[in-house]
């Protein structure tokens, strides 16, 4: 006799496993289906976590090569051992994926290994590694199957010469030359890793600026910093073809304005043009579960599809493809199933680029506010005037706070600098509670810390910074 469940979650990534844990906490008999051999989804296995490991280790190596001697730390014999770096990265991934398994056991969640699909509003099919097919009955289904790397027409990703983000996390040697197609988060993070480890990196971006969607002040400053670090850029350029010959790649591109064509021969190409929802094999067409023009599952404000007991969260629905957004949606859905008021505030979802320096943002950009015809005021404070940044020899970047012109309510915050990804949490919390710039300006910040730059930027909104 097959087991019956209250909730079955399809997908064990950040959205799925968090939804399963919260469902179990609320007293539901819960199962989670995962087709990978380990839990954690793209984020833990081939995304956020391994990339942050490589970013951290490559930054230490780069500093040892270029900065430590000047600071009185003699490291003239520092050598790169790429295999050890990869072992360290893999160890971090294993520890965290095993941690999720432990949480499943702790919360008595049934872990179903295999590929899940929806047979009916109350039946889920699971095909395991042996091709054995089992059906499970459930009162509620949550789709959380995440996303997969997108590509461009005519480009074949072989994960050796032409790679996606997955392949770029596992090179067995440092590429001599690396072309990165796409100037977004993923391309810039992984491009930074391999540049620091010794590769000659060129980023090709279709638009005339990097990190699309970020505030233009941040984007422009970030571009200057990355160029200074030695990364090459071809902006406003379209890749027309990518081919391989004798374990090399040939990238053909043309400038969007001049139509000037160029051909670049490199050892490797990273295709980082974004991600797309992973909804194949779920049986959505037969179930008549609708998708939008971008292939994302259509849901209402309660994350419900056309069936009131079938929900979708994370990268398979609209919104930023971020692990923390999926997690919040997972918790919200579990609470909605329990009859509670599960809710996600999409105005306060932070985004971070984990390069060096980091870039972080929450809320509106100046460009968005101009488009929406909302009157605003801006306060900026450079890390060059922050004492902690000075003693750390990391003075690049600034904090920028945007507030409503009349009410002083904070509408957005944008940071480029060391620890920006951690610092943005203060601004997220402030906005979640509807804080004004004055509220932040009158909050005592410890000295000397990087976060003093946030207080100073808030003071600058009213044109009264102290240290600049």
Protein backbone atom coordinates (compact mmCIF):
# COMPACT_ATOMS: atom_id res chain seq x y z
CA UNK A 1 0.00 0.00 0.00
CA UNK A 2 1.39 3.40 -1.03
CA UNK A 3 2.02 6.13 1.54
CA UNK A 4 -0.34 9.08 1.66
CA UNK A 5 0.98 12.59 2.37
CA UNK A 6 -0.36 15.99 3.28
CA UNK A 7 2.33 17.76 1.22
CA UNK A 8 4.65 16.51 -1.52
CA UNK A 9 7.32 18.96 -2.69
CA UNK A 10 8.83 18.30 -6.14
CA UNK A 11 12.42 19.59 -6.03
CA UNK A 12 14.91 19.67 -3.15
CA UNK A 13 16.59 23.02 -3.80
CA UNK A 14 16.44 26.05 -1.45
CA UNK A 15 12.75 26.66 -2.13
CA UNK A 16 11.75 23.00 -1.99
CA UNK A 17 13.67 21.81 1.04
CA UNK A 18 12.72 24.92 3.05
CA UNK A 19 9.06 24.42 2.09
CA UNK A 20 9.29 20.78 3.18
CA UNK A 21 10.86 21.68 6.54
CA UNK A 22 8.27 24.39 7.27
CA UNK A 23 5.44 22.03 6.25
CA UNK A 24 6.75 19.40 8.66
CA UNK A 25 7.06 22.00 11.42
CA UNK A 26 3.39 22.84 10.89
CA UNK A 27 2.45 19.20 11.50
CA UNK A 28 2.00 18.00 7.90
CA UNK A 29 3.15 14.58 6.78
CA UNK A 30 5.65 15.71 4.15
CA UNK A 31 7.71 14.20 1.34
CA UNK A 32 10.29 15.84 -0.93
CA UNK A 33 11.28 14.47 -4.33
CA UNK A 34 14.77 15.18 -5.70
CA UNK A 35 16.26 13.85 -8.94
CA UNK A 36 19.88 14.72 -8.02
CA UNK A 37 21.86 12.36 -5.83
CA UNK A 38 22.09 15.11 -3.21
CA UNK A 39 19.70 17.69 -1.81
CA UNK A 40 20.21 21.45 -2.10
CA UNK A 41 19.42 21.98 -5.78
CA UNK A 42 21.53 24.12 -8.11
CA UNK A 43 22.40 26.52 -5.28
CA UNK A 44 24.18 24.04 -3.01
CA UNK A 45 25.51 21.69 -5.70
CA UNK A 46 26.54 23.76 -8.73
CA UNK A 47 25.61 27.37 -7.94
CA UNK A 48 25.74 29.75 -5.00
CA UNK A 49 27.81 27.64 -2.62
CA UNK A 50 30.64 26.26 -4.83
CA UNK A 51 30.98 29.60 -6.63
CA UNK A 52 31.36 31.46 -3.32
CA UNK A 53 34.01 28.97 -2.25
CA UNK A 54 36.00 29.65 -5.43
CA UNK A 55 35.46 33.41 -5.12
CA UNK A 56 36.80 33.37 -1.55
CA UNK A 57 39.80 31.14 -2.26
CA UNK A 58 40.75 32.92 -5.49
CA UNK A 59 40.63 36.28 -3.67
CA UNK A 60 42.99 35.01 -0.97
CA UNK A 61 45.38 33.69 -3.64
CA UNK A 62 45.24 36.95 -5.61
CA UNK A 63 45.98 39.01 -2.48
CA UNK A 64 48.86 36.71 -1.60
CA UNK A 65 50.27 37.29 -5.09
CA UNK A 66 49.73 41.05 -5.30
CA UNK A 67 49.10 42.69 -1.91
CA UNK A 68 50.44 40.78 1.09
CA UNK A 69 54.13 41.65 0.60
CA UNK A 70 53.32 45.37 0.76
CA UNK A 71 51.43 44.81 4.02
CA UNK A 72 54.31 43.05 5.76
CA UNK A 73 53.15 39.49 5.11
CA UNK A 74 55.90 37.80 3.11
CA UNK A 75 54.34 35.40 0.57
CA UNK A 76 56.75 35.54 -2.35
CA UNK A 77 56.61 31.74 -2.76
CA UNK A 78 52.79 31.49 -2.90
CA UNK A 79 51.78 28.88 -5.50
CA UNK A 80 48.44 27.84 -6.94
CA UNK A 81 47.29 24.25 -6.39
CA UNK A 82 44.01 24.15 -8.32
CA UNK A 83 43.19 20.55 -7.39
CA UNK A 84 43.36 21.41 -3.68
CA UNK A 85 41.11 24.42 -4.24
CA UNK A 86 38.58 22.15 -5.96
CA UNK A 87 38.81 19.61 -3.12
CA UNK A 88 38.08 22.39 -0.63
CA UNK A 89 35.10 23.56 -2.72
CA UNK A 90 33.71 20.01 -2.99
CA UNK A 91 34.12 19.47 0.75
CA UNK A 92 32.05 22.60 1.47
CA UNK A 93 29.31 21.40 -0.88
CA UNK A 94 29.23 17.90 0.64
CA UNK A 95 29.03 19.25 4.20
CA UNK A 96 26.06 21.47 3.36
CA UNK A 97 24.13 18.91 1.30
CA UNK A 98 24.56 16.34 4.09
CA UNK A 99 23.31 19.03 6.47
CA UNK A 100 20.03 19.28 4.55
CA UNK A 101 19.66 15.48 4.71
CA UNK A 102 20.10 15.69 8.49
CA UNK A 103 17.38 18.36 8.69
CA UNK A 104 15.03 16.06 6.74
CA UNK A 105 15.62 13.26 9.25
CA UNK A 106 15.23 15.65 12.17
CA UNK A 107 11.88 16.88 10.84
CA UNK A 108 10.72 13.37 9.76
CA UNK A 109 10.45 14.32 6.10
CA UNK A 110 10.33 11.42 3.63
CA UNK A 111 13.11 11.87 1.06
CA UNK A 112 12.06 10.37 -2.30
CA UNK A 113 15.00 10.02 -4.71
CA UNK A 114 13.92 10.20 -8.34
CA UNK A 115 12.16 12.25 -10.99
CA UNK A 116 8.73 13.51 -9.99
CA UNK A 117 5.75 14.29 -12.21
CA UNK A 118 2.10 15.13 -11.59
CA UNK A 119 -0.41 12.46 -12.56
CA UNK A 120 -3.52 14.09 -11.08
CA UNK A 121 -4.29 16.89 -8.57
CA UNK A 122 -3.68 14.38 -5.77
CA UNK A 123 -1.19 11.93 -7.31
CA UNK A 124 2.53 12.29 -7.89
CA UNK A 125 4.63 9.77 -9.78
CA UNK A 126 8.29 9.13 -8.92
CA UNK A 127 10.66 7.31 -11.27
CA UNK A 128 13.83 6.26 -9.44
CA UNK A 129 17.31 5.33 -10.76
CA UNK A 130 16.20 1.79 -11.53
CA UNK A 131 13.32 3.16 -13.67
CA UNK A 132 10.89 1.87 -11.08
CA UNK A 133 7.72 3.97 -11.06
CA UNK A 134 5.75 4.55 -7.85
CA UNK A 135 2.68 6.70 -7.29
CA UNK A 136 2.04 8.64 -4.10
CA UNK A 137 -1.20 10.23 -2.94
CA UNK A 138 -1.13 13.71 -1.44
CA UNK A 139 -3.46 16.52 -0.43
CA UNK A 140 -1.09 19.25 -1.69
CA UNK A 141 1.67 19.46 -4.32
CA UNK A 142 4.40 22.12 -4.43
CA UNK A 143 6.44 22.50 -7.64
CA UNK A 144 9.95 23.75 -6.89
CA UNK A 145 12.11 22.36 -9.69
CA UNK A 146 14.28 25.45 -10.10
CA UNK A 147 16.07 26.54 -13.24
CA UNK A 148 18.76 25.47 -15.70
CA UNK A 149 21.39 27.53 -17.58
CA UNK A 150 20.10 29.23 -20.73
CA UNK A 151 22.14 29.28 -23.91
CA UNK A 152 22.16 31.04 -27.26
CA UNK A 153 21.00 29.60 -30.61
CA UNK A 154 23.69 27.58 -32.37
CA UNK A 155 25.97 27.25 -29.32
CA UNK A 156 26.61 23.71 -28.10
CA UNK A 157 27.72 23.54 -24.47
CA UNK A 158 30.06 20.56 -24.01
CA UNK A 159 31.18 21.52 -20.45
CA UNK A 160 34.80 21.19 -21.59
CA UNK A 161 35.68 23.91 -24.09
CA UNK A 162 32.31 25.69 -24.11
CA UNK A 163 30.88 25.60 -20.61
CA UNK A 164 27.88 26.72 -18.59
CA UNK A 165 28.29 27.93 -15.01
CA UNK A 166 28.42 24.24 -14.00
CA UNK A 167 31.50 23.51 -16.11
CA UNK A 168 33.15 26.79 -15.07
CA UNK A 169 33.13 25.56 -11.46
CA UNK A 170 35.20 22.50 -12.32
CA UNK A 171 37.97 23.37 -14.78
CA UNK A 172 40.93 21.03 -14.18
CA UNK A 173 43.36 23.78 -15.20
CA UNK A 174 43.20 27.55 -15.41
CA UNK A 175 42.01 28.59 -18.90
CA UNK A 176 44.68 30.54 -20.79
CA UNK A 177 41.98 32.77 -22.27
CA UNK A 178 38.33 32.82 -21.21
CA UNK A 179 35.48 34.52 -23.03
CA UNK A 180 32.44 35.15 -20.83
CA UNK A 181 29.22 35.68 -22.78
CA UNK A 182 27.00 37.79 -20.53
CA UNK A 183 27.80 40.63 -18.14
CA UNK A 184 25.37 39.64 -15.39
CA UNK A 185 25.93 38.23 -11.89
CA UNK A 186 27.05 34.73 -12.88
CA UNK A 187 29.39 35.78 -15.67
CA UNK A 188 31.10 38.48 -13.60
CA UNK A 189 31.51 36.27 -10.53
CA UNK A 190 33.02 33.33 -12.42
CA UNK A 191 35.01 35.64 -14.70
CA UNK A 192 36.51 37.21 -11.55
CA UNK A 193 37.47 33.79 -10.16
CA UNK A 194 39.44 32.76 -13.24
CA UNK A 195 40.96 36.21 -13.78
CA UNK A 196 42.36 36.08 -10.23
CA UNK A 197 43.72 32.59 -10.82
CA UNK A 198 45.57 33.71 -13.95
CA UNK A 199 43.24 33.61 -16.94
CA UNK A 200 42.94 36.38 -19.53
CA UNK A 201 39.21 37.17 -19.27
CA UNK A 202 37.01 39.03 -21.74
CA UNK A 203 33.32 39.69 -21.07
CA UNK A 204 30.98 40.17 -24.03
CA UNK A 205 27.68 41.91 -23.15
CA UNK A 206 24.81 42.65 -25.55
CA UNK A 207 23.79 45.82 -23.67
CA UNK A 208 25.93 48.94 -23.26
CA UNK A 209 26.33 48.32 -19.52
CA UNK A 210 26.94 45.45 -17.10
CA UNK A 211 24.66 43.96 -14.38
CA UNK A 212 21.39 44.88 -16.12
CA UNK A 213 18.71 46.04 -13.70
CA UNK A 214 21.17 47.50 -11.18
CA UNK A 215 21.32 51.25 -10.49
CA UNK A 216 23.39 52.96 -13.21
CA UNK A 217 25.69 54.66 -10.65
CA UNK A 218 26.66 51.24 -9.32
CA UNK A 219 26.91 49.66 -12.77
CA UNK A 220 29.23 52.41 -14.05
CA UNK A 221 31.47 52.33 -10.97
CA UNK A 222 31.59 48.54 -11.03
CA UNK A 223 32.69 48.53 -14.68
CA UNK A 224 35.57 50.91 -13.88
CA UNK A 225 36.71 48.71 -10.98
CA UNK A 226 36.57 45.47 -12.99
CA UNK A 227 38.51 47.07 -15.87
CA UNK A 228 41.11 48.22 -13.36
CA UNK A 229 41.37 44.59 -12.20
CA UNK A 230 42.29 43.60 -15.76
CA UNK A 231 39.02 42.15 -17.07
CA UNK A 232 38.39 43.11 -20.71
CA UNK A 233 34.94 44.14 -21.93
CA UNK A 234 33.16 44.18 -25.26
CA UNK A 235 29.92 46.01 -24.49
CA UNK A 236 27.05 46.63 -26.89
CA UNK A 237 28.16 43.52 -28.78
CA UNK A 238 26.34 40.46 -30.05
CA UNK A 239 27.87 37.00 -30.26
CA UNK A 240 26.92 35.60 -33.67
CA UNK A 241 28.58 32.17 -33.58
CA UNK A 242 30.78 30.05 -31.34
CA UNK A 243 32.58 27.04 -32.79
CA UNK A 244 35.31 24.69 -31.64
CA UNK A 245 38.44 23.50 -33.42
CA UNK A 246 41.24 21.36 -31.94
CA UNK A 247 40.13 21.96 -28.33
CA UNK A 248 39.92 25.72 -28.90
CA UNK A 249 36.92 28.01 -29.29
CA UNK A 250 36.32 30.64 -31.96
CA UNK A 251 33.91 33.40 -30.96
CA UNK A 252 32.50 35.67 -33.64
CA UNK A 253 30.83 38.89 -32.54
CA UNK A 254 29.68 42.21 -33.93
CA UNK A 255 29.21 45.65 -32.42
CA UNK A 256 25.54 46.64 -32.28
CA UNK A 257 26.24 50.25 -33.29
CA UNK A 258 29.03 50.05 -35.87
CA UNK A 259 28.25 46.49 -37.11
CA UNK A 260 32.03 45.93 -36.94
CA UNK A 261 32.74 42.21 -36.77
CA UNK A 262 35.44 40.54 -34.73
CA UNK A 263 36.72 37.00 -34.26
CA UNK A 264 38.42 35.91 -31.03
CA UNK A 265 40.25 32.59 -30.55
CA UNK A 266 40.33 31.37 -26.94
CA UNK A 267 40.87 28.22 -24.91
CA UNK A 268 37.44 28.33 -23.23
CA UNK A 269 34.04 30.03 -23.41
CA UNK A 270 31.60 30.48 -20.55
CA UNK A 271 27.98 30.97 -21.64
CA UNK A 272 26.37 33.02 -18.86
CA UNK A 273 23.30 34.54 -20.51
CA UNK A 274 20.93 33.78 -17.65
CA UNK A 275 18.77 30.86 -16.58
CA UNK A 276 15.39 29.45 -17.58
CA UNK A 277 12.69 27.67 -15.60
CA UNK A 278 13.12 23.90 -15.34
CA UNK A 279 9.62 22.53 -15.95
CA UNK A 280 10.26 19.64 -18.35
CA UNK A 281 8.87 16.24 -17.39
CA UNK A 282 6.36 17.54 -14.85
CA UNK A 283 3.38 16.65 -17.06
CA UNK A 284 2.16 20.25 -17.03
CA UNK A 285 0.62 20.15 -20.52
CA UNK A 286 -1.59 17.14 -19.77
CA UNK A 287 -2.54 18.75 -16.45
CA UNK A 288 -3.33 21.99 -18.32
CA UNK A 289 -1.14 23.99 -15.93
CA UNK A 290 -0.41 27.21 -17.81
CA UNK A 291 2.97 28.84 -18.41
CA UNK A 292 3.76 32.40 -19.47
CA UNK A 293 5.70 33.48 -22.58
CA UNK A 294 8.99 32.95 -20.72
CA UNK A 295 8.11 29.37 -19.75
CA UNK A 296 7.34 30.16 -16.11
CA UNK A 297 4.37 28.58 -14.33
CA UNK A 298 1.48 31.00 -13.87
CA UNK A 299 0.29 31.34 -10.27
CA UNK A 300 -1.98 33.66 -8.31
CA UNK A 301 -0.96 35.69 -5.24
CA UNK A 302 -1.24 32.55 -3.12
CA UNK A 303 1.19 30.69 -5.44
CA UNK A 304 -1.67 28.47 -6.69
CA UNK A 305 -1.91 27.14 -10.25
CA UNK A 306 -5.34 26.43 -11.78
CA UNK A 307 -5.62 23.74 -9.09
CA UNK A 308 -6.02 25.22 -5.61
CA UNK A 309 -3.88 22.44 -4.07
CA UNK A 310 -1.03 22.60 -6.62
CA UNK A 311 1.45 25.40 -5.89
CA UNK A 312 4.64 26.63 -7.58
CA UNK A 313 7.56 28.58 -6.10
CA UNK A 314 11.10 29.76 -6.83
CA UNK A 315 12.69 29.88 -10.27
CA UNK A 316 9.70 28.21 -11.98
CA UNK A 317 7.53 31.31 -11.37
CA UNK A 318 7.99 35.02 -12.10
CA UNK A 319 10.43 37.12 -10.10
CA UNK A 320 14.18 37.19 -9.48
CA UNK A 321 15.88 33.80 -9.69
CA UNK A 322 17.40 33.98 -6.23
CA UNK A 323 17.71 31.25 -3.60
CA UNK A 324 16.47 33.48 -0.77
CA UNK A 325 13.40 34.51 -2.77
CA UNK A 326 12.58 30.81 -3.28
CA UNK A 327 13.09 30.11 0.43
CA UNK A 328 10.69 32.86 1.48
CA UNK A 329 8.12 31.58 -1.02
CA UNK A 330 8.56 28.04 0.32
CA UNK A 331 7.79 29.19 3.86
CA UNK A 332 4.83 31.29 2.62
CA UNK A 333 3.28 28.33 0.76
CA UNK A 334 3.60 25.98 3.75
CA UNK A 335 1.87 28.58 5.92
CA UNK A 336 -0.85 29.20 3.31
CA UNK A 337 -1.55 25.44 3.21
CA UNK A 338 -1.88 25.60 7.01
CA UNK A 339 -4.46 28.38 6.71
CA UNK A 340 -2.06 31.09 7.83
CA UNK A 341 -1.23 34.37 6.09
CA UNK A 342 1.93 33.35 4.21
CA UNK A 343 3.38 36.40 2.49
CA UNK A 344 6.47 37.57 0.57
CA UNK A 345 7.37 41.26 0.29
CA UNK A 346 8.89 41.49 -3.19
CA UNK A 347 9.89 45.13 -2.59
CA UNK A 348 12.53 44.05 -0.07
CA UNK A 349 14.34 41.15 -1.74
CA UNK A 350 18.07 41.91 -1.80
CA UNK A 351 20.39 40.98 -4.63
CA UNK A 352 24.16 40.55 -4.34
CA UNK A 353 27.07 40.10 -6.73
CA UNK A 354 29.85 38.33 -4.81
CA UNK A 355 32.83 39.75 -6.64
CA UNK A 356 35.56 41.84 -4.98
CA UNK A 357 34.30 44.40 -4.18
CA UNK A 358 30.78 43.09 -3.71
CA UNK A 359 27.70 44.76 -5.13
CA UNK A 360 24.36 44.69 -3.30
CA UNK A 361 20.97 46.30 -3.78
CA UNK A 362 17.42 46.36 -2.48
CA UNK A 363 14.38 48.29 -3.67
CA UNK A 364 14.16 50.78 -6.50
CA UNK A 365 16.88 52.23 -8.72
CA UNK A 366 16.94 55.87 -9.82
CA UNK A 367 16.01 54.74 -13.33
CA UNK A 368 12.90 52.94 -12.06
CA UNK A 369 11.76 55.92 -9.99
CA UNK A 370 12.21 58.29 -12.94
CA UNK A 371 10.14 55.96 -15.09
CA UNK A 372 7.43 55.80 -12.39
CA UNK A 373 7.58 59.62 -12.03
CA UNK A 374 8.24 59.38 -8.28
CA UNK A 375 10.12 62.34 -6.79
CA UNK A 376 13.08 61.28 -4.70
CA UNK A 377 16.27 62.47 -3.00
CA UNK A 378 19.65 60.72 -2.87
CA UNK A 379 22.39 60.37 -0.27
CA UNK A 380 25.80 58.92 -1.17
CA UNK A 381 28.86 58.22 0.91
CA UNK A 382 32.18 56.87 -0.42
CA UNK A 383 34.14 54.16 1.39
CA UNK A 384 37.18 56.36 0.75
CA UNK A 385 35.96 58.42 3.73
CA UNK A 386 35.19 55.38 5.94
CA UNK A 387 37.89 54.69 8.55
CA UNK A 388 37.47 50.89 8.60
CA UNK A 389 37.66 50.68 4.80
CA UNK A 390 40.81 52.82 4.91
CA UNK A 391 42.66 50.61 7.40
CA UNK A 392 41.58 47.53 5.39
CA UNK A 393 42.96 49.04 2.16
CA UNK A 394 39.53 48.55 0.56
CA UNK A 395 38.23 52.02 -0.21
CA UNK A 396 36.56 51.37 -3.56
CA UNK A 397 32.83 51.98 -3.87
CA UNK A 398 30.08 53.76 -1.98
CA UNK A 399 26.71 53.50 -0.25
CA UNK A 400 23.73 55.12 -1.98
CA UNK A 401 20.34 55.57 -0.33
CA UNK A 402 17.27 56.77 -2.21
CA UNK A 403 14.35 58.22 -0.23
CA UNK A 404 10.95 59.66 -1.08
CA UNK A 405 11.23 63.44 -1.50
CA UNK A 406 8.18 64.19 0.66
CA UNK A 407 7.94 61.38 3.21
CA UNK A 408 11.68 60.53 3.51
CA UNK A 409 10.74 56.82 3.35
CA UNK A 410 13.62 54.72 2.01
CA UNK A 411 12.79 53.48 -1.51
CA UNK A 412 16.08 51.80 -2.40
CA UNK A 413 19.65 51.19 -1.32
CA UNK A 414 22.68 50.36 -3.46
CA UNK A 415 26.14 49.44 -2.18
CA UNK A 416 29.38 48.66 -3.91
CA UNK A 417 32.25 47.78 -1.60
CA UNK A 418 33.80 45.22 0.71
CA UNK A 419 31.09 43.33 2.68
CA UNK A 420 28.25 44.94 0.67
CA UNK A 421 26.37 41.62 0.65
CA UNK A 422 26.28 41.55 4.45
CA UNK A 423 25.69 45.28 4.86
CA UNK A 424 22.58 45.28 2.67
CA UNK A 425 20.72 43.32 5.38
CA UNK A 426 20.42 46.50 7.47
CA UNK A 427 18.74 48.28 4.57
CA UNK A 428 16.41 45.35 3.89
CA UNK A 429 15.29 45.38 7.53
CA UNK A 430 14.89 49.17 7.48
CA UNK A 431 12.71 49.01 4.37
CA UNK A 432 10.71 46.06 5.73
CA UNK A 433 9.73 48.26 8.67
CA UNK A 434 9.09 51.32 6.48
CA UNK A 435 12.02 53.31 7.86
CA UNK A 436 12.88 56.83 6.75
CA UNK A 437 16.41 57.97 5.93
CA UNK A 438 16.22 60.01 9.14
CA UNK A 439 15.50 56.83 11.16
CA UNK A 440 18.75 55.31 9.87
CA UNK A 441 20.69 58.56 10.33
CA UNK A 442 19.66 58.66 14.01
CA UNK A 443 20.54 55.01 14.66
CA UNK A 444 23.89 54.58 16.44
CA UNK A 445 26.41 52.61 14.38
CA UNK A 446 29.55 51.10 15.93
CA UNK A 447 32.91 52.68 15.15
CA UNK A 448 35.01 51.78 13.28
CA UNK A 449 32.81 49.69 10.97
CA UNK A 450 31.90 49.63 7.30
CA UNK A 451 28.24 50.13 8.31
CA UNK A 452 29.00 53.69 9.38
CA UNK A 453 28.91 54.41 5.64
CA UNK A 454 25.19 53.53 5.72
CA UNK A 455 24.56 56.08 8.51
CA UNK A 456 26.57 58.70 6.60
CA UNK A 457 24.66 58.02 3.36
CA UNK A 458 21.39 58.42 5.29
CA UNK A 459 22.68 61.73 6.67
CA UNK A 460 23.67 62.71 3.11
CA UNK A 461 20.05 62.30 2.00
CA UNK A 462 19.45 65.47 4.05
CA UNK A 463 22.80 66.92 2.90
CA UNK A 464 24.45 66.66 6.30
CA UNK A 465 27.11 63.90 6.23
CA UNK A 466 29.73 64.33 8.94
CA UNK A 467 32.84 62.73 7.45
CA UNK A 468 32.57 63.79 3.81
